[in-house]
Amino acid sequence: MSPAFAIRILSWPEALPLARPVREKVFIEEQRVPRELEWDEWDERSAHAVASDAQGRAIGTARLAPDGKLGRM
């Protein structure tokens, strides 16, 4: 039996194509965060967790900044 989801820790270049649709839907569309605030200089410097379902589709994301702050969940 395969797991219901998997979480991977990725660099920003790896995470970007997976995390972008999730963050745009959740933060920009649903929570109405201005686009210019959602995408910032911390993305490049942070580690990114991306959760994917059993079919490999991104279903969640989080960002761990160098200062230890967890965000974009």
Protein backbone atom coordinates (compact mmCIF):
# COMPACT_ATOMS: atom_id res chain seq x y z
CA MET A 1 0.00 0.00 0.00
CA SER A 2 1.42 3.41 -0.94
CA PRO A 3 1.31 6.28 1.55
CA ALA A 4 -1.47 8.87 1.23
CA PHE A 5 1.10 11.64 0.90
CA ALA A 6 4.83 12.33 0.92
CA ILE A 7 6.81 15.35 2.08
CA ARG A 8 10.06 16.39 0.45
CA ILE A 9 12.50 19.13 1.48
CA LEU A 10 13.61 21.04 -1.60
CA SER A 11 15.64 24.04 -2.67
CA TRP A 12 13.67 26.92 -4.16
CA PRO A 13 14.46 26.05 -7.80
CA GLU A 14 13.16 22.51 -7.19
CA ALA A 15 10.16 23.61 -5.13
CA LEU A 16 9.02 26.52 -7.31
CA PRO A 17 7.04 24.60 -9.96
CA LEU A 18 5.34 22.52 -7.26
CA ALA A 19 4.77 25.20 -4.62
CA ARG A 20 3.68 28.05 -6.91
CA PRO A 21 0.21 26.67 -7.77
CA VAL A 22 -0.51 25.80 -4.13
CA ARG A 23 0.63 29.18 -2.80
CA GLU A 24 -1.19 31.11 -5.51
CA LYS A 25 -4.45 29.27 -4.80
CA VAL A 26 -4.26 29.38 -1.00
CA PHE A 27 -2.59 32.69 -0.25
CA ILE A 28 -3.23 34.95 -3.24
CA GLU A 29 -6.69 33.75 -4.30
CA GLU A 30 -8.30 32.42 -1.11
CA GLN A 31 -6.63 34.58 1.55
CA ARG A 32 -6.18 37.62 -0.74
CA VAL A 33 -2.51 38.17 0.10
CA PRO A 34 -1.15 40.70 -2.39
CA ARG A 35 1.01 38.98 -5.01
CA GLU A 36 3.92 41.36 -4.29
CA LEU A 37 3.93 40.23 -0.64
CA GLU A 38 3.59 36.51 -1.36
CA TRP A 39 6.74 36.24 -3.50
CA ASP A 40 9.68 37.72 -1.63
CA GLU A 41 13.43 37.59 -1.20
CA TRP A 42 13.16 34.85 1.46
CA ASP A 43 12.11 32.18 -1.04
CA GLU A 44 15.58 31.89 -2.58
CA ARG A 45 17.25 31.65 0.84
CA SER A 46 14.85 29.19 2.46
CA ALA A 47 14.32 25.44 2.50
CA HIS A 48 10.91 24.39 1.20
CA ALA A 49 8.75 21.44 2.19
CA VAL A 50 6.31 20.24 -0.44
CA ALA A 51 3.65 17.66 0.37
CA SER A 52 2.41 15.58 -2.56
CA ASP A 53 -0.49 13.16 -2.78
CA ALA A 54 -0.14 9.52 -3.89
CA GLN A 55 -0.34 10.65 -7.53
CA GLY A 56 2.52 13.15 -7.06
CA ARG A 57 0.35 16.30 -7.12
CA ALA A 58 1.43 19.07 -4.73
CA ILE A 59 -1.14 19.47 -1.94
CA GLY A 60 0.75 21.59 0.60
CA THR A 61 3.83 23.67 1.15
CA ALA A 62 5.88 25.29 3.90
CA ARG A 63 9.00 27.41 4.05
CA LEU A 64 11.79 27.33 6.64
CA ALA A 65 13.75 30.59 6.57
CA PRO A 66 17.42 30.79 7.60
CA ASP A 67 16.38 32.56 10.82
CA GLY A 68 14.27 29.52 11.81
CA LYS A 69 10.88 31.03 10.97
CA LEU A 70 8.36 28.62 9.51
CA GLY A 71 5.85 30.12 7.12
CA ARG A 72 3.89 29.86 3.89
CA MET A 73 2.00 26.84 5.25
